[in-house]
Amino acid sequence: MRGIGFIGGEGPGAILGAALAKEADLIAAADSGLMAAEAAGLAPDWIVGDMDSLDDPRRLGAYPPDRVIRCPRDKDETDTELLLSLLWEQGCDEVWLAGGGGGRTDHLLAVHALFERERSPDRWITAGEDMRQVREGRILNAAASSGNRLVSVFPLGCGPWEAESKGLKWPLAGLPWKRGFFGVSNVALDGCFEIRVIRGRFLVILPFGKD
C-alpha cells in the first residue's frame, strides 16, 4: 500500500501534487503540509503534528477529530517523523514525501537524514527535485525531466554499495562507493535511464527542468 505525506516547505505544487496523490492509497499531512494538500484539492485521511506552522487552526475543523493527531511543540520527533510513523502504522509499505524543499538548511538535512535510516521513505518530491530511493536488488527505470537530463546518485546507509546503470553518460559500474562519495550531475543521454542496485541503497536525484 502506498502512502503520500505532505509536509511543510517547498513542494511539487498543486497540479503535480494532485497528480501524485492519484497514485496513493492513503494521504496524510504534517502540520503546514495540510495547506499544500488542500491547495491541490485534497482532503488528507490523517493530519499529524504540533500545528505551530498552520496558518489557521480552523482548517482542522473540517476533519473528523479522530483523524487529527495533535502533538506538543516540545517533542523528541519532528512532524515529518511522526507522519512517517503514522503512514507505516496504517499499513503503508511504500511512502512518498511531498514538500520539504527550500527554507532552513537544518530542516532540509533532517529530511535527508531520514533516508539514511533502515526504515525510510521511498520517494521525496520538492519544488525542484524528484528523489527516489533504490534498494538492494531493485531496478529504477526512469526518465529525466524535460529540459534537464541531470541525474545525481548518493549512497545511503552503511554499505557496502554496488550499482550498474544503462543510459547514463558515466556508468555506475565499478565506482568505489563509500561514505562521503557521490556521483553528481551525471547525464541521461537519451532522457531515459536504468539503475540496478546490486548491494546497498542509493538516493537518485532528478532535478525538474524547463524547456
N, C-alpha and C. Protein backbone atom coordinates (compact mmCIF):
# COMPACT_ATOMS: atom_id res chain seq x y z
N MET A 1 0.85 -1.19 0.00
CA MET A 1 0.00 0.00 0.00
C MET A 1 0.89 1.24 0.00
N ARG A 2 0.54 2.20 -0.84
CA ARG A 2 1.36 3.40 -0.98
C ARG A 2 0.70 4.57 -0.25
N GLY A 3 1.50 5.26 0.56
CA GLY A 3 1.03 6.46 1.24
C GLY A 3 1.85 7.66 0.83
N ILE A 4 1.20 8.81 0.69
CA ILE A 4 1.91 10.04 0.39
C ILE A 4 1.66 11.03 1.52
N GLY A 5 2.74 11.61 2.01
CA GLY A 5 2.65 12.55 3.11
C GLY A 5 3.08 13.94 2.68
N PHE A 6 2.21 14.91 2.87
CA PHE A 6 2.53 16.30 2.56
C PHE A 6 3.15 16.96 3.79
N ILE A 7 4.29 17.60 3.60
CA ILE A 7 4.99 18.26 4.69
C ILE A 7 5.23 19.71 4.34
N GLY A 8 5.66 20.50 5.33
CA GLY A 8 5.92 21.91 5.09
C GLY A 8 7.14 22.12 4.19
N GLY A 9 7.30 23.34 3.72
CA GLY A 9 8.40 23.64 2.81
C GLY A 9 7.95 23.62 1.37
N GLU A 10 8.87 23.91 0.47
CA GLU A 10 8.53 23.98 -0.95
C GLU A 10 8.25 22.59 -1.50
N GLY A 11 7.06 22.45 -2.09
CA GLY A 11 6.65 21.15 -2.60
C GLY A 11 6.39 21.15 -4.09
N PRO A 12 5.77 20.09 -4.58
CA PRO A 12 5.59 19.93 -6.02
C PRO A 12 4.55 20.84 -6.65
N GLY A 13 3.79 21.59 -5.85
CA GLY A 13 2.76 22.47 -6.41
C GLY A 13 1.44 21.74 -6.52
N ALA A 14 0.38 22.52 -6.73
CA ALA A 14 -0.97 21.97 -6.69
C ALA A 14 -1.23 20.95 -7.79
N ILE A 15 -0.82 21.24 -9.01
CA ILE A 15 -1.13 20.35 -10.13
C ILE A 15 -0.40 19.01 -9.99
N LEU A 16 0.91 19.08 -9.76
CA LEU A 16 1.68 17.84 -9.63
C LEU A 16 1.31 17.12 -8.34
N GLY A 17 1.04 17.88 -7.26
CA GLY A 17 0.63 17.26 -6.02
C GLY A 17 -0.64 16.45 -6.17
N ALA A 18 -1.61 16.99 -6.90
CA ALA A 18 -2.86 16.27 -7.14
C ALA A 18 -2.61 15.03 -7.99
N ALA A 19 -1.72 15.14 -8.98
CA ALA A 19 -1.41 14.00 -9.84
C ALA A 19 -0.73 12.89 -9.04
N LEU A 20 0.19 13.25 -8.16
CA LEU A 20 0.87 12.26 -7.33
C LEU A 20 -0.10 11.56 -6.41
N ALA A 21 -1.03 12.33 -5.86
CA ALA A 21 -2.00 11.76 -4.91
C ALA A 21 -2.87 10.69 -5.56
N LYS A 22 -3.07 10.76 -6.86
CA LYS A 22 -3.88 9.76 -7.56
C LYS A 22 -3.20 8.40 -7.53
N GLU A 23 -1.89 8.39 -7.27
CA GLU A 23 -1.15 7.14 -7.21
C GLU A 23 -1.06 6.59 -5.80
N ALA A 24 -1.71 7.28 -4.83
CA ALA A 24 -1.60 6.88 -3.42
C ALA A 24 -2.87 6.22 -2.93
N ASP A 25 -2.70 5.28 -1.99
CA ASP A 25 -3.83 4.63 -1.32
C ASP A 25 -4.23 5.39 -0.07
N LEU A 26 -3.29 6.14 0.51
CA LEU A 26 -3.55 6.88 1.74
C LEU A 26 -2.82 8.21 1.67
N ILE A 27 -3.48 9.28 2.09
CA ILE A 27 -2.88 10.62 2.07
C ILE A 27 -2.88 11.17 3.49
N ALA A 28 -1.74 11.69 3.91
CA ALA A 28 -1.62 12.30 5.23
C ALA A 28 -0.89 13.63 5.10
N ALA A 29 -1.03 14.46 6.10
CA ALA A 29 -0.37 15.77 6.10
C ALA A 29 0.23 16.02 7.47
N ALA A 30 1.39 16.63 7.49
CA ALA A 30 2.04 17.02 8.73
C ALA A 30 2.01 18.54 8.84
N ASP A 31 1.31 19.04 9.86
CA ASP A 31 1.28 20.47 10.16
C ASP A 31 0.94 21.28 8.91
N SER A 32 1.82 22.21 8.49
CA SER A 32 1.51 23.08 7.36
C SER A 32 1.44 22.33 6.03
N GLY A 33 1.80 21.05 6.03
CA GLY A 33 1.60 20.24 4.84
C GLY A 33 0.12 20.14 4.49
N LEU A 34 -0.74 20.39 5.48
CA LEU A 34 -2.18 20.39 5.22
C LEU A 34 -2.54 21.48 4.21
N MET A 35 -1.88 22.63 4.30
CA MET A 35 -2.15 23.73 3.38
C MET A 35 -1.80 23.34 1.95
N ALA A 36 -0.68 22.63 1.79
CA ALA A 36 -0.26 22.19 0.46
C ALA A 36 -1.23 21.15 -0.09
N ALA A 37 -1.66 20.24 0.78
CA ALA A 37 -2.60 19.21 0.33
C ALA A 37 -3.92 19.84 -0.11
N GLU A 38 -4.43 20.77 0.69
CA GLU A 38 -5.70 21.41 0.34
C GLU A 38 -5.57 22.26 -0.91
N ALA A 39 -4.40 22.87 -1.12
CA ALA A 39 -4.18 23.67 -2.34
C ALA A 39 -4.25 22.79 -3.58
N ALA A 40 -3.95 21.49 -3.41
CA ALA A 40 -4.03 20.54 -4.51
C ALA A 40 -5.42 19.92 -4.62
N GLY A 41 -6.35 20.42 -3.81
CA GLY A 41 -7.72 19.90 -3.85
C GLY A 41 -7.91 18.61 -3.10
N LEU A 42 -7.02 18.34 -2.14
CA LEU A 42 -7.05 17.07 -1.43
C LEU A 42 -7.52 17.25 0.01
N ALA A 43 -8.19 16.25 0.52
CA ALA A 43 -8.58 16.20 1.93
C ALA A 43 -7.87 14.99 2.54
N PRO A 44 -6.78 15.22 3.27
CA PRO A 44 -5.99 14.10 3.79
C PRO A 44 -6.81 13.18 4.69
N ASP A 45 -6.42 11.91 4.67
CA ASP A 45 -7.07 10.93 5.55
C ASP A 45 -6.65 11.13 7.00
N TRP A 46 -5.42 11.62 7.19
CA TRP A 46 -4.88 11.85 8.53
C TRP A 46 -4.11 13.16 8.55
N ILE A 47 -4.09 13.82 9.70
CA ILE A 47 -3.30 15.03 9.91
C ILE A 47 -2.57 14.87 11.24
N VAL A 48 -1.28 15.17 11.26
CA VAL A 48 -0.49 14.99 12.47
C VAL A 48 0.48 16.15 12.63
N GLY A 49 0.84 16.46 13.86
CA GLY A 49 1.84 17.50 14.11
C GLY A 49 1.47 18.40 15.27
N ASP A 50 2.37 19.35 15.56
CA ASP A 50 2.09 20.29 16.65
C ASP A 50 1.29 21.50 16.16
N MET A 51 1.12 21.61 14.85
CA MET A 51 0.28 22.63 14.22
C MET A 51 0.79 24.05 14.45
N ASP A 52 2.07 24.19 14.75
CA ASP A 52 2.60 25.53 15.01
C ASP A 52 2.87 26.31 13.73
N SER A 53 2.85 25.64 12.58
CA SER A 53 3.09 26.33 11.31
C SER A 53 1.83 26.46 10.47
N LEU A 54 0.72 25.98 10.98
CA LEU A 54 -0.54 26.06 10.26
C LEU A 54 -1.05 27.49 10.27
N ASP A 55 -1.44 28.01 9.09
CA ASP A 55 -1.84 29.41 9.02
C ASP A 55 -3.12 29.70 9.79
N ASP A 56 -4.04 28.74 9.85
CA ASP A 56 -5.32 28.94 10.53
C ASP A 56 -5.77 27.61 11.14
N PRO A 57 -5.75 27.50 12.47
CA PRO A 57 -6.15 26.24 13.12
C PRO A 57 -7.57 25.81 12.77
N ARG A 58 -8.40 26.75 12.29
CA ARG A 58 -9.77 26.39 11.96
C ARG A 58 -9.84 25.43 10.78
N ARG A 59 -8.75 25.30 10.02
CA ARG A 59 -8.72 24.31 8.94
C ARG A 59 -9.01 22.91 9.47
N LEU A 60 -8.55 22.64 10.69
CA LEU A 60 -8.68 21.30 11.26
C LEU A 60 -10.13 20.93 11.54
N GLY A 61 -10.98 21.93 11.67
CA GLY A 61 -12.37 21.67 11.98
C GLY A 61 -13.12 20.95 10.89
N ALA A 62 -12.56 20.90 9.70
CA ALA A 62 -13.22 20.23 8.57
C ALA A 62 -12.97 18.72 8.58
N TYR A 63 -12.17 18.24 9.54
CA TYR A 63 -11.79 16.83 9.56
C TYR A 63 -12.28 16.15 10.83
N PRO A 64 -12.57 14.85 10.76
CA PRO A 64 -13.00 14.12 11.96
C PRO A 64 -11.94 14.23 13.05
N PRO A 65 -12.34 14.53 14.28
CA PRO A 65 -11.37 14.70 15.37
C PRO A 65 -10.45 13.50 15.56
N ASP A 66 -10.95 12.29 15.30
CA ASP A 66 -10.11 11.11 15.50
C ASP A 66 -9.07 10.93 14.40
N ARG A 67 -9.13 11.77 13.35
CA ARG A 67 -8.13 11.71 12.29
C ARG A 67 -7.12 12.86 12.39
N VAL A 68 -7.23 13.67 13.43
CA VAL A 68 -6.30 14.77 13.67
C VAL A 68 -5.52 14.45 14.94
N ILE A 69 -4.23 14.24 14.79
CA ILE A 69 -3.37 13.88 15.91
C ILE A 69 -2.54 15.10 16.29
N ARG A 70 -2.89 15.74 17.37
CA ARG A 70 -2.17 16.93 17.85
C ARG A 70 -1.05 16.50 18.79
N CYS A 71 0.10 17.08 18.61
CA CYS A 71 1.25 16.73 19.43
C CYS A 71 1.82 18.00 20.07
N PRO A 72 2.46 17.88 21.23
CA PRO A 72 3.07 19.06 21.86
C PRO A 72 4.21 19.60 21.01
N ARG A 73 4.45 20.91 21.11
CA ARG A 73 5.53 21.51 20.33
C ARG A 73 6.89 21.00 20.79
N ASP A 74 7.05 20.83 22.09
CA ASP A 74 8.31 20.29 22.63
C ASP A 74 8.21 18.76 22.63
N LYS A 75 8.86 18.15 21.65
CA LYS A 75 8.78 16.70 21.49
C LYS A 75 10.09 16.19 20.92
N ASP A 76 10.28 14.89 20.99
CA ASP A 76 11.54 14.29 20.54
C ASP A 76 11.59 14.06 19.04
N GLU A 77 10.42 13.95 18.40
CA GLU A 77 10.37 13.67 16.97
C GLU A 77 9.86 14.88 16.20
N THR A 78 10.34 15.04 14.97
CA THR A 78 9.81 16.10 14.12
C THR A 78 8.44 15.71 13.61
N ASP A 79 7.72 16.69 13.08
CA ASP A 79 6.40 16.40 12.50
C ASP A 79 6.53 15.40 11.35
N THR A 80 7.62 15.49 10.59
CA THR A 80 7.81 14.56 9.48
C THR A 80 8.03 13.14 9.98
N GLU A 81 8.78 12.99 11.07
CA GLU A 81 8.97 11.66 11.65
C GLU A 81 7.64 11.08 12.13
N LEU A 82 6.83 11.93 12.76
CA LEU A 82 5.51 11.48 13.22
C LEU A 82 4.64 11.05 12.04
N LEU A 83 4.74 11.79 10.95
CA LEU A 83 3.98 11.47 9.73
C LEU A 83 4.38 10.11 9.18
N LEU A 84 5.68 9.87 9.10
CA LEU A 84 6.15 8.59 8.58
C LEU A 84 5.67 7.44 9.46
N SER A 85 5.79 7.60 10.77
CA SER A 85 5.34 6.55 11.69
C SER A 85 3.86 6.26 11.50
N LEU A 86 3.08 7.32 11.31
CA LEU A 86 1.65 7.16 11.11
C LEU A 86 1.35 6.36 9.83
N LEU A 87 2.01 6.71 8.75
CA LEU A 87 1.78 6.02 7.48
C LEU A 87 2.17 4.54 7.58
N TRP A 88 3.28 4.27 8.23
CA TRP A 88 3.68 2.87 8.39
C TRP A 88 2.71 2.11 9.29
N GLU A 89 2.24 2.77 10.36
CA GLU A 89 1.28 2.13 11.26
C GLU A 89 -0.03 1.82 10.56
N GLN A 90 -0.37 2.61 9.55
CA GLN A 90 -1.60 2.39 8.80
C GLN A 90 -1.44 1.35 7.69
N GLY A 91 -0.27 0.74 7.64
CA GLY A 91 -0.07 -0.35 6.70
C GLY A 91 0.61 -0.01 5.40
N CYS A 92 1.10 1.22 5.27
CA CYS A 92 1.79 1.61 4.04
C CYS A 92 3.18 0.97 3.99
N ASP A 93 3.45 0.24 2.93
CA ASP A 93 4.78 -0.34 2.76
C ASP A 93 5.62 0.44 1.75
N GLU A 94 5.02 1.47 1.17
CA GLU A 94 5.75 2.40 0.30
C GLU A 94 5.28 3.81 0.66
N VAL A 95 6.24 4.69 0.96
CA VAL A 95 5.89 6.03 1.45
C VAL A 95 6.62 7.09 0.65
N TRP A 96 5.85 8.08 0.19
CA TRP A 96 6.40 9.24 -0.51
C TRP A 96 6.20 10.48 0.34
N LEU A 97 7.17 11.39 0.28
CA LEU A 97 7.05 12.69 0.92
C LEU A 97 6.93 13.77 -0.15
N ALA A 98 6.01 14.70 0.04
CA ALA A 98 5.84 15.83 -0.88
C ALA A 98 6.05 17.11 -0.08
N GLY A 99 7.06 17.90 -0.46
CA GLY A 99 7.37 19.13 0.27
C GLY A 99 8.77 19.04 0.86
N GLY A 100 9.07 19.96 1.77
CA GLY A 100 10.36 19.93 2.46
C GLY A 100 11.49 20.61 1.75
N GLY A 101 11.23 21.27 0.62
CA GLY A 101 12.29 21.97 -0.09
C GLY A 101 12.46 23.39 0.41
N GLY A 102 13.59 24.01 0.05
CA GLY A 102 13.84 25.40 0.43
C GLY A 102 13.91 25.57 1.94
N GLY A 103 13.75 26.80 2.40
CA GLY A 103 13.70 27.05 3.84
C GLY A 103 15.02 26.80 4.54
N ARG A 104 14.93 26.39 5.81
CA ARG A 104 16.10 26.21 6.65
C ARG A 104 16.92 25.00 6.24
N THR A 105 18.24 25.18 6.26
CA THR A 105 19.13 24.09 5.87
C THR A 105 19.02 22.92 6.83
N ASP A 106 18.83 23.19 8.14
CA ASP A 106 18.75 22.08 9.09
C ASP A 106 17.51 21.23 8.83
N HIS A 107 16.41 21.86 8.40
CA HIS A 107 15.22 21.09 8.06
C HIS A 107 15.47 20.22 6.83
N LEU A 108 16.17 20.77 5.85
CA LEU A 108 16.49 20.03 4.63
C LEU A 108 17.36 18.82 4.96
N LEU A 109 18.37 19.04 5.78
CA LEU A 109 19.27 17.94 6.15
C LEU A 109 18.55 16.91 7.01
N ALA A 110 17.58 17.37 7.82
CA ALA A 110 16.84 16.44 8.66
C ALA A 110 16.02 15.47 7.82
N VAL A 111 15.41 15.97 6.75
CA VAL A 111 14.65 15.07 5.87
C VAL A 111 15.59 14.10 5.16
N HIS A 112 16.72 14.62 4.68
CA HIS A 112 17.69 13.73 4.03
C HIS A 112 18.17 12.66 5.00
N ALA A 113 18.37 13.02 6.27
CA ALA A 113 18.84 12.05 7.25
C ALA A 113 17.85 10.91 7.45
N LEU A 114 16.57 11.17 7.21
CA LEU A 114 15.57 10.11 7.34
C LEU A 114 15.83 8.98 6.35
N PHE A 115 16.41 9.32 5.19
CA PHE A 115 16.70 8.30 4.18
C PHE A 115 17.90 7.44 4.56
N GLU A 116 18.70 7.91 5.51
CA GLU A 116 19.84 7.12 5.97
C GLU A 116 19.41 5.99 6.89
N ARG A 117 18.20 6.07 7.42
CA ARG A 117 17.72 5.04 8.33
C ARG A 117 17.29 3.80 7.55
N GLU A 118 17.35 2.66 8.23
CA GLU A 118 16.98 1.40 7.57
C GLU A 118 15.52 1.43 7.12
N ARG A 119 14.64 1.90 8.00
CA ARG A 119 13.25 2.09 7.60
C ARG A 119 13.10 3.55 7.21
N SER A 120 12.87 3.79 5.95
CA SER A 120 12.97 5.15 5.43
C SER A 120 12.00 5.35 4.28
N PRO A 121 11.75 6.60 3.90
CA PRO A 121 10.84 6.88 2.78
C PRO A 121 11.39 6.32 1.47
N ASP A 122 10.51 6.18 0.50
CA ASP A 122 10.90 5.65 -0.80
C ASP A 122 11.07 6.74 -1.85
N ARG A 123 10.42 7.89 -1.62
CA ARG A 123 10.47 8.96 -2.61
C ARG A 123 10.25 10.30 -1.92
N TRP A 124 10.88 11.35 -2.45
CA TRP A 124 10.78 12.69 -1.88
C TRP A 124 10.67 13.68 -3.04
N ILE A 125 9.58 14.41 -3.11
CA ILE A 125 9.35 15.35 -4.20
C ILE A 125 9.25 16.76 -3.63
N THR A 126 10.14 17.64 -4.06
CA THR A 126 10.11 19.04 -3.66
C THR A 126 9.68 19.88 -4.86
N ALA A 127 9.85 21.18 -4.76
CA ALA A 127 9.51 22.04 -5.90
C ALA A 127 10.51 21.88 -7.04
N GLY A 128 11.72 21.44 -6.73
CA GLY A 128 12.76 21.40 -7.76
C GLY A 128 13.34 20.04 -8.06
N GLU A 129 13.03 19.03 -7.22
CA GLU A 129 13.64 17.72 -7.42
C GLU A 129 12.65 16.58 -7.18
N ASP A 130 12.93 15.49 -7.87
CA ASP A 130 12.23 14.23 -7.63
C ASP A 130 13.31 13.24 -7.20
N MET A 131 13.24 12.77 -5.96
CA MET A 131 14.29 11.91 -5.39
C MET A 131 13.72 10.53 -5.09
N ARG A 132 14.41 9.52 -5.59
CA ARG A 132 13.93 8.14 -5.43
C ARG A 132 14.98 7.32 -4.68
N GLN A 133 14.53 6.57 -3.69
CA GLN A 133 15.43 5.61 -3.05
C GLN A 133 15.34 4.29 -3.81
N VAL A 134 16.51 3.73 -4.15
CA VAL A 134 16.56 2.44 -4.84
C VAL A 134 17.29 1.47 -3.92
N ARG A 135 16.59 0.43 -3.55
CA ARG A 135 17.12 -0.52 -2.57
C ARG A 135 17.80 -1.70 -3.25
N GLU A 136 18.55 -2.45 -2.45
CA GLU A 136 19.29 -3.60 -2.95
C GLU A 136 18.38 -4.57 -3.69
N GLY A 137 18.81 -4.97 -4.87
CA GLY A 137 18.05 -5.91 -5.67
C GLY A 137 16.97 -5.26 -6.53
N ARG A 138 16.82 -3.95 -6.43
CA ARG A 138 15.78 -3.25 -7.19
C ARG A 138 16.38 -2.55 -8.42
N ILE A 139 15.51 -2.26 -9.38
CA ILE A 139 15.91 -1.54 -10.59
C ILE A 139 15.04 -0.31 -10.73
N LEU A 140 15.67 0.83 -10.97
CA LEU A 140 14.94 2.07 -11.26
C LEU A 140 15.01 2.33 -12.75
N ASN A 141 13.85 2.30 -13.40
CA ASN A 141 13.74 2.73 -14.80
C ASN A 141 13.04 4.08 -14.78
N ALA A 142 13.71 5.11 -15.24
CA ALA A 142 13.14 6.45 -15.11
C ALA A 142 13.49 7.29 -16.32
N ALA A 143 12.80 8.41 -16.42
CA ALA A 143 13.07 9.40 -17.45
C ALA A 143 13.40 10.71 -16.77
N ALA A 144 14.51 11.32 -17.15
CA ALA A 144 14.85 12.63 -16.63
C ALA A 144 13.84 13.64 -17.14
N SER A 145 13.60 14.69 -16.37
CA SER A 145 12.57 15.66 -16.74
C SER A 145 12.94 16.40 -18.02
N SER A 146 11.93 16.80 -18.73
CA SER A 146 12.12 17.54 -19.97
C SER A 146 12.96 18.79 -19.73
N GLY A 147 13.98 18.98 -20.51
CA GLY A 147 14.81 20.17 -20.39
C GLY A 147 15.93 20.04 -19.38
N ASN A 148 15.98 18.91 -18.64
CA ASN A 148 17.05 18.72 -17.66
C ASN A 148 17.31 17.23 -17.51
N ARG A 149 18.39 16.76 -18.09
CA ARG A 149 18.70 15.33 -18.07
C ARG A 149 19.73 14.98 -17.03
N LEU A 150 19.91 15.82 -16.03
CA LEU A 150 20.87 15.55 -14.98
C LEU A 150 20.36 14.46 -14.05
N VAL A 151 21.28 13.62 -13.60
CA VAL A 151 20.97 12.55 -12.66
C VAL A 151 22.10 12.51 -11.64
N SER A 152 21.78 12.62 -10.37
CA SER A 152 22.79 12.55 -9.31
C SER A 152 22.49 11.36 -8.41
N VAL A 153 23.55 10.71 -7.92
CA VAL A 153 23.39 9.48 -7.16
C VAL A 153 24.21 9.56 -5.88
N PHE A 154 23.57 9.23 -4.75
CA PHE A 154 24.23 9.26 -3.45
C PHE A 154 24.01 7.92 -2.74
N PRO A 155 25.05 7.34 -2.14
CA PRO A 155 24.85 6.11 -1.37
C PRO A 155 24.13 6.41 -0.06
N LEU A 156 23.31 5.47 0.40
CA LEU A 156 22.58 5.61 1.65
C LEU A 156 22.94 4.46 2.58
N GLY A 157 22.80 4.70 3.87
CA GLY A 157 23.03 3.65 4.85
C GLY A 157 24.50 3.35 5.07
N CYS A 158 24.78 2.12 5.50
CA CYS A 158 26.14 1.75 5.91
C CYS A 158 26.93 0.99 4.85
N GLY A 159 26.29 0.61 3.75
CA GLY A 159 27.01 -0.09 2.70
C GLY A 159 27.24 -1.55 3.08
N PRO A 160 28.02 -2.27 2.28
CA PRO A 160 28.72 -1.82 1.07
C PRO A 160 27.75 -1.50 -0.06
N TRP A 161 28.26 -0.80 -1.07
CA TRP A 161 27.41 -0.34 -2.18
C TRP A 161 27.98 -0.80 -3.52
N GLU A 162 27.06 -1.14 -4.40
CA GLU A 162 27.44 -1.50 -5.77
C GLU A 162 26.22 -1.30 -6.66
N ALA A 163 26.43 -0.69 -7.82
CA ALA A 163 25.33 -0.43 -8.74
C ALA A 163 25.80 -0.48 -10.18
N GLU A 164 24.86 -0.73 -11.07
CA GLU A 164 25.11 -0.69 -12.50
C GLU A 164 24.09 0.22 -13.15
N SER A 165 24.40 0.71 -14.32
CA SER A 165 23.48 1.63 -15.00
C SER A 165 23.48 1.41 -16.50
N LYS A 166 22.38 1.88 -17.11
CA LYS A 166 22.27 1.95 -18.56
C LYS A 166 21.74 3.33 -18.91
N GLY A 167 22.23 3.89 -19.98
CA GLY A 167 21.73 5.17 -20.46
C GLY A 167 22.35 6.39 -19.82
N LEU A 168 23.29 6.23 -18.89
CA LEU A 168 23.98 7.36 -18.29
C LEU A 168 25.31 7.61 -18.99
N LYS A 169 25.70 8.86 -19.07
CA LYS A 169 26.95 9.21 -19.74
C LYS A 169 28.14 8.58 -19.04
N TRP A 170 28.11 8.57 -17.70
CA TRP A 170 29.18 7.97 -16.91
C TRP A 170 28.59 6.77 -16.16
N PRO A 171 28.93 5.54 -16.59
CA PRO A 171 28.36 4.35 -15.97
C PRO A 171 28.69 4.26 -14.48
N LEU A 172 27.79 3.62 -13.73
CA LEU A 172 27.99 3.48 -12.29
C LEU A 172 28.77 2.23 -11.92
N ALA A 173 28.85 1.28 -12.82
CA ALA A 173 29.53 0.02 -12.53
C ALA A 173 31.00 0.27 -12.21
N GLY A 174 31.46 -0.36 -11.14
CA GLY A 174 32.87 -0.28 -10.78
C GLY A 174 33.27 0.93 -9.97
N LEU A 175 32.36 1.82 -9.68
CA LEU A 175 32.72 3.01 -8.90
C LEU A 175 33.01 2.62 -7.44
N PRO A 176 33.99 3.29 -6.83
CA PRO A 176 34.39 2.94 -5.46
C PRO A 176 33.49 3.61 -4.41
N TRP A 177 32.26 3.19 -4.32
CA TRP A 177 31.32 3.83 -3.40
C TRP A 177 31.77 3.67 -1.95
N LYS A 178 31.68 4.74 -1.20
CA LYS A 178 31.98 4.73 0.23
C LYS A 178 31.31 5.93 0.85
N ARG A 179 31.32 6.01 2.17
CA ARG A 179 30.71 7.14 2.86
C ARG A 179 31.35 8.44 2.37
N GLY A 180 30.53 9.41 1.99
CA GLY A 180 31.05 10.68 1.50
C GLY A 180 31.29 10.72 0.01
N PHE A 181 31.18 9.56 -0.66
CA PHE A 181 31.38 9.51 -2.11
C PHE A 181 30.02 9.70 -2.78
N PHE A 182 30.00 10.34 -3.93
CA PHE A 182 28.74 10.56 -4.64
C PHE A 182 29.00 10.78 -6.12
N GLY A 183 27.93 10.70 -6.89
CA GLY A 183 28.02 10.99 -8.32
C GLY A 183 27.05 12.11 -8.65
N VAL A 184 27.56 13.30 -8.89
CA VAL A 184 26.72 14.47 -9.14
C VAL A 184 26.75 14.85 -10.61
N SER A 185 25.60 15.27 -11.13
CA SER A 185 25.49 15.79 -12.49
C SER A 185 25.89 14.80 -13.57
N ASN A 186 25.51 13.55 -13.37
CA ASN A 186 25.58 12.60 -14.47
C ASN A 186 24.51 13.01 -15.49
N VAL A 187 24.49 12.37 -16.64
CA VAL A 187 23.57 12.80 -17.70
C VAL A 187 22.85 11.59 -18.29
N ALA A 188 21.52 11.68 -18.38
CA ALA A 188 20.73 10.68 -19.09
C ALA A 188 20.77 11.04 -20.57
N LEU A 189 21.56 10.31 -21.33
CA LEU A 189 21.87 10.70 -22.71
C LEU A 189 20.64 10.81 -23.59
N ASP A 190 19.73 9.85 -23.49
CA ASP A 190 18.52 9.87 -24.31
C ASP A 190 17.28 10.21 -23.50
N GLY A 191 17.51 10.74 -22.30
CA GLY A 191 16.38 11.09 -21.44
C GLY A 191 15.98 9.99 -20.49
N CYS A 192 16.03 8.74 -20.96
CA CYS A 192 15.67 7.59 -20.12
C CYS A 192 16.93 6.86 -19.65
N PHE A 193 16.84 6.24 -18.50
CA PHE A 193 18.00 5.54 -17.96
C PHE A 193 17.53 4.44 -17.02
N GLU A 194 18.47 3.59 -16.64
CA GLU A 194 18.18 2.50 -15.71
C GLU A 194 19.33 2.40 -14.71
N ILE A 195 18.98 2.20 -13.44
CA ILE A 195 19.96 1.96 -12.39
C ILE A 195 19.57 0.68 -11.67
N ARG A 196 20.48 -0.27 -11.61
CA ARG A 196 20.25 -1.51 -10.88
C ARG A 196 21.17 -1.55 -9.67
N VAL A 197 20.59 -1.72 -8.50
CA VAL A 197 21.37 -1.75 -7.27
C VAL A 197 21.69 -3.20 -6.91
N ILE A 198 22.96 -3.49 -6.85
CA ILE A 198 23.42 -4.85 -6.53
C ILE A 198 23.60 -5.01 -5.03
N ARG A 199 24.19 -3.98 -4.40
CA ARG A 199 24.37 -4.01 -2.94
C ARG A 199 24.11 -2.63 -2.37
N GLY A 200 23.53 -2.58 -1.19
CA GLY A 200 23.30 -1.30 -0.52
C GLY A 200 22.04 -0.60 -0.98
N ARG A 201 21.99 0.71 -0.71
CA ARG A 201 20.85 1.55 -1.08
C ARG A 201 21.39 2.86 -1.63
N PHE A 202 20.63 3.47 -2.56
CA PHE A 202 21.05 4.72 -3.17
C PHE A 202 19.88 5.69 -3.26
N LEU A 203 20.21 6.99 -3.21
CA LEU A 203 19.23 8.04 -3.46
C LEU A 203 19.55 8.64 -4.81
N VAL A 204 18.59 8.58 -5.72
CA VAL A 204 18.75 9.10 -7.08
C VAL A 204 17.96 10.39 -7.18
N ILE A 205 18.64 11.48 -7.54
CA ILE A 205 18.02 12.80 -7.58
C ILE A 205 17.89 13.28 -9.02
N LEU A 206 16.64 13.61 -9.38
CA LEU A 206 16.35 14.12 -10.72
C LEU A 206 15.81 15.53 -10.59
N PRO A 207 16.57 16.54 -11.00
CA PRO A 207 16.06 17.91 -10.97
C PRO A 207 14.96 18.10 -12.00
N PHE A 208 13.95 18.88 -11.66
CA PHE A 208 12.93 19.24 -12.64
C PHE A 208 13.53 20.28 -13.56
N GLY A 209 13.33 20.13 -14.87
CA GLY A 209 13.89 21.06 -15.83
C GLY A 209 12.83 21.84 -16.54
N LYS A 210 13.27 22.81 -17.32
CA LYS A 210 12.38 23.63 -18.13
C LYS A 210 12.89 23.65 -19.56
N ASP A 211 11.97 23.56 -20.49
CA ASP A 211 12.36 23.63 -21.91
C ASP A 211 12.82 25.04 -22.26
